């Protein structure tokens, strides 16, 4: 495949719809491991994972919480929140939802489309 062909394929793939539901389901299945990777130094408190928020100067555990069963997350100190692992990945990496979904799918070995 030529360089032009590869660019055409890459552009075409970006336009295909991303299967957000499947990626979130796969991420939820391994969410505790993802959280330990993304948010080192956090701890489990019941169904929640509590960690320092790496997107701000956070010095105390408590306000940044992720429900390990549902993937819902919130920073109670700032009001930032989301509904699923993809939104958390986007928030932590400063990416758009689609970009975060594609990177998460790649990390999990799941087809994004």
Protein backbone atom coordinates (compact mmCIF):
# COMPACT_ATOMS: atom_id res chain seq x y z
CA UNK A 1 0.00 0.00 0.00
CA UNK A 2 1.37 3.43 -0.91
CA UNK A 3 1.62 6.31 1.50
CA UNK A 4 -1.38 7.98 -0.16
CA UNK A 5 -3.41 4.77 0.21
CA UNK A 6 -2.51 4.51 3.89
CA UNK A 7 -3.58 8.13 4.49
CA UNK A 8 -6.89 7.48 2.70
CA UNK A 9 -7.56 4.40 4.86
CA UNK A 10 -6.70 6.33 8.03
CA UNK A 11 -9.10 9.13 7.09
CA UNK A 12 -11.86 6.65 6.23
CA UNK A 13 -11.43 4.83 9.55
CA UNK A 14 -11.72 8.08 11.51
CA UNK A 15 -15.12 8.68 9.91
CA UNK A 16 -16.55 5.30 10.92
CA UNK A 17 -18.69 5.34 14.05
CA UNK A 18 -16.97 4.33 17.26
CA UNK A 19 -18.69 1.64 19.37
CA UNK A 20 -18.61 3.55 22.66
CA UNK A 21 -20.89 1.01 24.41
CA UNK A 22 -18.65 -1.96 23.63
CA UNK A 23 -15.49 -0.10 24.64
CA UNK A 24 -17.08 1.01 27.92
CA UNK A 25 -18.30 -2.55 28.67
CA UNK A 26 -14.81 -3.94 28.09
CA UNK A 27 -13.24 -1.20 30.19
CA UNK A 28 -15.69 -1.79 33.04
CA UNK A 29 -14.67 -5.45 33.11
CA UNK A 30 -11.11 -4.41 34.01
CA UNK A 31 -11.75 -1.00 35.55
CA UNK A 32 -9.98 -1.64 38.88
CA UNK A 33 -6.77 -2.49 37.00
CA UNK A 34 -7.15 0.57 34.74
CA UNK A 35 -7.64 2.83 37.76
CA UNK A 36 -4.56 1.47 39.47
CA UNK A 37 -2.60 2.15 36.27
CA UNK A 38 -4.02 5.63 35.63
CA UNK A 39 -4.30 6.84 39.23
CA UNK A 40 -1.38 5.42 41.16
CA UNK A 41 -1.53 5.81 44.91
CA UNK A 42 -5.32 5.63 45.06
CA UNK A 43 -7.25 3.21 47.22
CA UNK A 44 -10.50 1.30 47.23
CA UNK A 45 -13.27 2.43 49.54
CA UNK A 46 -16.20 0.07 49.14
CA UNK A 47 -17.32 0.26 45.49
CA UNK A 48 -15.29 3.40 44.85
CA UNK A 49 -11.71 4.09 43.94
CA UNK A 50 -10.44 7.26 45.61
CA UNK A 51 -7.36 8.99 44.23
CA UNK A 52 -5.62 12.31 43.82
CA UNK A 53 -6.80 14.15 40.73
CA UNK A 54 -3.75 14.39 38.44
CA UNK A 55 -5.31 17.21 36.40
CA UNK A 56 -4.98 19.70 39.25
CA UNK A 57 -2.81 20.34 42.31
CA UNK A 58 -4.56 17.82 44.55
CA UNK A 59 -2.89 16.95 47.85
CA UNK A 60 -5.59 15.06 49.75
CA UNK A 61 -7.47 11.89 48.90
CA UNK A 62 -11.21 12.16 49.14
CA UNK A 63 -12.73 14.39 46.50
CA UNK A 64 -11.83 12.45 43.33
CA UNK A 65 -13.90 9.27 43.22
CA UNK A 66 -14.71 6.62 40.64
CA UNK A 67 -17.44 4.00 41.04
CA UNK A 68 -15.73 0.74 40.04
CA UNK A 69 -19.02 -0.96 39.13
CA UNK A 70 -20.55 1.74 36.93
CA UNK A 71 -17.56 3.84 35.86
CA UNK A 72 -19.22 7.07 37.01
CA UNK A 73 -16.66 9.51 38.39
CA UNK A 74 -16.54 12.93 39.97
CA UNK A 75 -14.19 15.45 41.46
CA UNK A 76 -16.30 16.84 44.26
CA UNK A 77 -13.90 19.76 44.73
CA UNK A 78 -14.26 21.07 41.17
CA UNK A 79 -17.60 19.70 39.98
CA UNK A 80 -15.97 17.79 37.09
CA UNK A 81 -17.76 14.52 36.47
CA UNK A 82 -18.49 11.82 33.94
CA UNK A 83 -20.56 8.74 33.32
CA UNK A 84 -18.15 6.09 32.08
CA UNK A 85 -14.56 4.92 31.63
CA UNK A 86 -14.21 6.67 28.25
CA UNK A 87 -15.13 10.04 29.74
CA UNK A 88 -12.63 9.42 32.55
CA UNK A 89 -9.90 8.54 30.04
CA UNK A 90 -10.73 11.68 28.05
CA UNK A 91 -10.63 13.83 31.18
CA UNK A 92 -7.34 12.43 32.46
CA UNK A 93 -5.63 12.62 29.06
CA UNK A 94 -7.15 15.94 27.93
CA UNK A 95 -8.63 14.26 24.83
CA UNK A 96 -11.94 14.39 23.02
CA UNK A 97 -14.31 11.48 23.70
CA UNK A 98 -13.69 9.84 20.33
CA UNK A 99 -9.91 10.03 20.68
CA UNK A 100 -10.06 8.64 24.21
CA UNK A 101 -12.36 5.81 23.08
CA UNK A 102 -10.00 4.85 20.26
CA UNK A 103 -6.95 4.88 22.56
CA UNK A 104 -8.78 2.92 25.24
CA UNK A 105 -9.96 0.35 22.68
CA UNK A 106 -6.39 -0.05 21.47
CA UNK A 107 -5.15 -0.46 25.06
CA UNK A 108 -7.78 -3.13 25.70
CA UNK A 109 -7.26 -4.91 22.38
CA UNK A 110 -10.85 -4.20 21.31
CA UNK A 111 -12.07 -3.09 17.90
CA UNK A 112 -13.17 0.54 18.17
CA UNK A 113 -15.71 0.19 15.35
